[in-house]
């Protein structure tokens, strides 16, 4: 039974990754500060919304460990966690900044990591 659950979770994460790879993989968020910076929480929410709309799947659980500075080329890594605890990394890169709006591209890893035992 454990194998079946892992297979379903791995398939689900693979579907998310494939959907992300097939679509434009970009997003933008407008913030209300003079120095452009996107909080880790807002970045996580924005990525989850974008992935859900891109893949047609329910909104995934995504956690980003740090705020995203509004400087072109800035990168961070976030983690998508499935219901069974398996994870998929998501890379985020700032592509442009227009005033307070930070535009970014993102790409999910090709392979999921299994849930810890």
C-alpha atoms as a PDB file:
ATOM      1  CA  UNK A   1       0.000   0.000   0.000  1.00  0.00           C
ATOM      2  CA  UNK A   2       2.823   2.411   0.758  1.00  0.00           C
ATOM      3  CA  UNK A   3       4.135   2.026  -2.781  1.00  0.00           C
ATOM      4  CA  UNK A   4       0.731   2.914  -4.261  1.00  0.00           C
ATOM      5  CA  UNK A   5       0.506   6.096  -2.187  1.00  0.00           C
ATOM      6  CA  UNK A   6       4.014   7.121  -3.151  1.00  0.00           C
ATOM      7  CA  UNK A   7       3.253   6.437  -6.804  1.00  0.00           C
ATOM      8  CA  UNK A   8       0.128   8.600  -6.697  1.00  0.00           C
ATOM      9  CA  UNK A   9       1.947  11.389  -4.863  1.00  0.00           C
ATOM     10  CA  UNK A  10       4.911  11.179  -7.218  1.00  0.00           C
ATOM     11  CA  UNK A  11       2.550  11.240 -10.193  1.00  0.00           C
ATOM     12  CA  UNK A  12       0.744  14.274  -8.761  1.00  0.00           C
ATOM     13  CA  UNK A  13       4.000  16.143  -8.216  1.00  0.00           C
ATOM     14  CA  UNK A  14       5.158  15.123 -11.695  1.00  0.00           C
ATOM     15  CA  UNK A  15       1.919  16.458 -13.155  1.00  0.00           C
ATOM     16  CA  UNK A  16       2.496  19.765 -11.384  1.00  0.00           C
ATOM     17  CA  UNK A  17       6.088  19.888 -12.632  1.00  0.00           C
ATOM     18  CA  UNK A  18       5.066  19.019 -16.187  1.00  0.00           C
ATOM     19  CA  UNK A  19       2.335  21.647 -16.150  1.00  0.00           C
ATOM     20  CA  UNK A  20       4.784  24.256 -14.947  1.00  0.00           C
ATOM     21  CA  UNK A  21       7.286  23.326 -17.642  1.00  0.00           C
ATOM     22  CA  UNK A  22       4.652  23.545 -20.400  1.00  0.00           C
ATOM     23  CA  UNK A  23       3.340  26.983 -19.485  1.00  0.00           C
ATOM     24  CA  UNK A  24       5.017  30.411 -19.423  1.00  0.00           C
ATOM     25  CA  UNK A  25       6.207  29.965 -15.842  1.00  0.00           C
ATOM     26  CA  UNK A  26       6.219  33.542 -14.775  1.00  0.00           C
ATOM     27  CA  UNK A  27       4.429  35.684 -12.266  1.00  0.00           C
ATOM     28  CA  UNK A  28       4.403  39.132 -10.822  1.00  0.00           C
ATOM     29  CA  UNK A  29       3.374  40.688  -7.573  1.00  0.00           C
ATOM     30  CA  UNK A  30       2.793  44.308  -6.750  1.00  0.00           C
ATOM     31  CA  UNK A  31       3.868  45.392  -3.293  1.00  0.00           C
ATOM     32  CA  UNK A  32       3.244  48.548  -1.323  1.00  0.00           C
ATOM     33  CA  UNK A  33       6.732  49.450  -0.072  1.00  0.00           C
ATOM     34  CA  UNK A  34       9.246  51.991  -1.331  1.00  0.00           C
ATOM     35  CA  UNK A  35      12.021  49.372  -1.472  1.00  0.00           C
ATOM     36  CA  UNK A  36      10.842  46.440  -3.583  1.00  0.00           C
ATOM     37  CA  UNK A  37      10.834  43.249  -1.581  1.00  0.00           C
ATOM     38  CA  UNK A  38       8.354  40.401  -1.623  1.00  0.00           C
ATOM     39  CA  UNK A  39       7.791  38.616   1.677  1.00  0.00           C
ATOM     40  CA  UNK A  40       8.315  34.866   1.781  1.00  0.00           C
ATOM     41  CA  UNK A  41       4.631  34.421   2.656  1.00  0.00           C
ATOM     42  CA  UNK A  42       3.393  36.491  -0.308  1.00  0.00           C
ATOM     43  CA  UNK A  43       5.798  34.712  -2.647  1.00  0.00           C
ATOM     44  CA  UNK A  44       4.543  31.321  -1.399  1.00  0.00           C
ATOM     45  CA  UNK A  45       0.910  32.368  -1.942  1.00  0.00           C
ATOM     46  CA  UNK A  46       1.639  33.834  -5.362  1.00  0.00           C
ATOM     47  CA  UNK A  47       3.455  30.677  -6.507  1.00  0.00           C
ATOM     48  CA  UNK A  48       0.689  28.423  -5.184  1.00  0.00           C
ATOM     49  CA  UNK A  49      -1.955  30.465  -7.033  1.00  0.00           C
ATOM     50  CA  UNK A  50       0.069  30.454 -10.246  1.00  0.00           C
ATOM     51  CA  UNK A  51       0.763  26.704 -10.082  1.00  0.00           C
ATOM     52  CA  UNK A  52      -2.895  25.921  -9.385  1.00  0.00           C
ATOM     53  CA  UNK A  53      -4.073  27.982 -12.359  1.00  0.00           C
ATOM     54  CA  UNK A  54      -1.310  26.610 -14.599  1.00  0.00           C
ATOM     55  CA  UNK A  55      -1.909  22.934 -13.824  1.00  0.00           C
ATOM     56  CA  UNK A  56      -5.639  22.915 -13.086  1.00  0.00           C
ATOM     57  CA  UNK A  57      -4.811  21.160  -9.793  1.00  0.00           C
ATOM     58  CA  UNK A  58      -5.799  22.315  -6.280  1.00  0.00           C
ATOM     59  CA  UNK A  59      -3.634  25.009  -4.724  1.00  0.00           C
ATOM     60  CA  UNK A  60      -0.431  23.279  -3.525  1.00  0.00           C
ATOM     61  CA  UNK A  61       1.329  23.785  -0.197  1.00  0.00           C
ATOM     62  CA  UNK A  62       4.412  25.894  -0.988  1.00  0.00           C
ATOM     63  CA  UNK A  63       6.908  27.341   1.472  1.00  0.00           C
ATOM     64  CA  UNK A  64       9.587  29.875   0.628  1.00  0.00           C
ATOM     65  CA  UNK A  65      12.342  30.317   3.232  1.00  0.00           C
ATOM     66  CA  UNK A  66      13.170  33.966   2.598  1.00  0.00           C
ATOM     67  CA  UNK A  67      11.884  37.252   1.223  1.00  0.00           C
ATOM     68  CA  UNK A  68      12.564  37.923  -2.444  1.00  0.00           C
ATOM     69  CA  UNK A  69      14.528  41.127  -3.074  1.00  0.00           C
ATOM     70  CA  UNK A  70      13.332  43.152  -6.054  1.00  0.00           C
ATOM     71  CA  UNK A  71      16.593  43.059  -7.974  1.00  0.00           C
ATOM     72  CA  UNK A  72      16.877  41.458 -11.414  1.00  0.00           C
ATOM     73  CA  UNK A  73      18.664  38.118 -11.175  1.00  0.00           C
ATOM     74  CA  UNK A  74      17.864  37.504  -7.506  1.00  0.00           C
ATOM     75  CA  UNK A  75      17.066  33.846  -6.936  1.00  0.00           C
ATOM     76  CA  UNK A  76      15.452  31.773  -4.204  1.00  0.00           C
ATOM     77  CA  UNK A  77      14.288  28.200  -3.775  1.00  0.00           C
ATOM     78  CA  UNK A  78      10.864  27.245  -2.504  1.00  0.00           C
ATOM     79  CA  UNK A  79       9.435  23.826  -1.660  1.00  0.00           C
ATOM     80  CA  UNK A  80       6.139  22.292  -2.746  1.00  0.00           C
ATOM     81  CA  UNK A  81       4.970  19.615  -0.299  1.00  0.00           C
ATOM     82  CA  UNK A  82       2.424  16.945  -1.234  1.00  0.00           C
ATOM     83  CA  UNK A  83      -0.096  15.476   1.191  1.00  0.00           C
ATOM     84  CA  UNK A  84       2.109  12.425   1.799  1.00  0.00           C
ATOM     85  CA  UNK A  85       5.130  14.575   2.666  1.00  0.00           C
ATOM     86  CA  UNK A  86       7.027  14.165  -0.613  1.00  0.00           C
ATOM     87  CA  UNK A  87       8.526  17.413  -1.910  1.00  0.00           C
ATOM     88  CA  UNK A  88       9.362  19.189  -5.136  1.00  0.00           C
ATOM     89  CA  UNK A  89      11.748  22.131  -5.342  1.00  0.00           C
ATOM     90  CA  UNK A  90      10.760  25.318  -7.176  1.00  0.00           C
ATOM     91  CA  UNK A  91      13.384  27.856  -8.339  1.00  0.00           C
ATOM     92  CA  UNK A  92      12.325  31.509  -8.534  1.00  0.00           C
ATOM     93  CA  UNK A  93      14.290  34.218 -10.385  1.00  0.00           C
ATOM     94  CA  UNK A  94      13.456  37.935 -10.554  1.00  0.00           C
ATOM     95  CA  UNK A  95      13.216  38.943 -14.223  1.00  0.00           C
ATOM     96  CA  UNK A  96      12.288  42.607 -13.893  1.00  0.00           C
ATOM     97  CA  UNK A  97      11.169  45.233 -11.423  1.00  0.00           C
ATOM     98  CA  UNK A  98       8.778  48.019 -12.382  1.00  0.00           C
ATOM     99  CA  UNK A  99       8.462  50.443  -9.485  1.00  0.00           C
ATOM    100  CA  UNK A 100       6.946  48.308  -6.742  1.00  0.00           C
ATOM    101  CA  UNK A 101       6.073  45.354  -8.990  1.00  0.00           C
ATOM    102  CA  UNK A 102       8.444  42.390  -8.940  1.00  0.00           C
ATOM    103  CA  UNK A 103       8.190  40.078 -11.957  1.00  0.00           C
ATOM    104  CA  UNK A 104       9.652  36.600 -11.727  1.00  0.00           C
ATOM    105  CA  UNK A 105       9.976  33.295 -13.534  1.00  0.00           C
ATOM    106  CA  UNK A 106       9.786  29.958 -11.771  1.00  0.00           C
ATOM    107  CA  UNK A 107      10.630  26.379 -12.612  1.00  0.00           C
ATOM    108  CA  UNK A 108       9.802  23.205 -10.725  1.00  0.00           C
ATOM    109  CA  UNK A 109      12.419  20.484 -10.401  1.00  0.00           C
ATOM    110  CA  UNK A 110      12.075  17.517 -12.731  1.00  0.00           C
ATOM    111  CA  UNK A 111      12.030  14.976  -9.899  1.00  0.00           C
ATOM    112  CA  UNK A 112      10.256  14.837  -6.549  1.00  0.00           C
ATOM    113  CA  UNK A 113      11.912  13.786  -3.291  1.00  0.00           C
ATOM    114  CA  UNK A 114      10.101  11.017  -1.387  1.00  0.00           C
ATOM    115  CA  UNK A 115       8.552  11.650   1.984  1.00  0.00           C
ATOM    116  CA  UNK A 116      10.817  11.056   4.978  1.00  0.00           C
ATOM    117  CA  UNK A 117      10.156   7.774   6.785  1.00  0.00           C
END
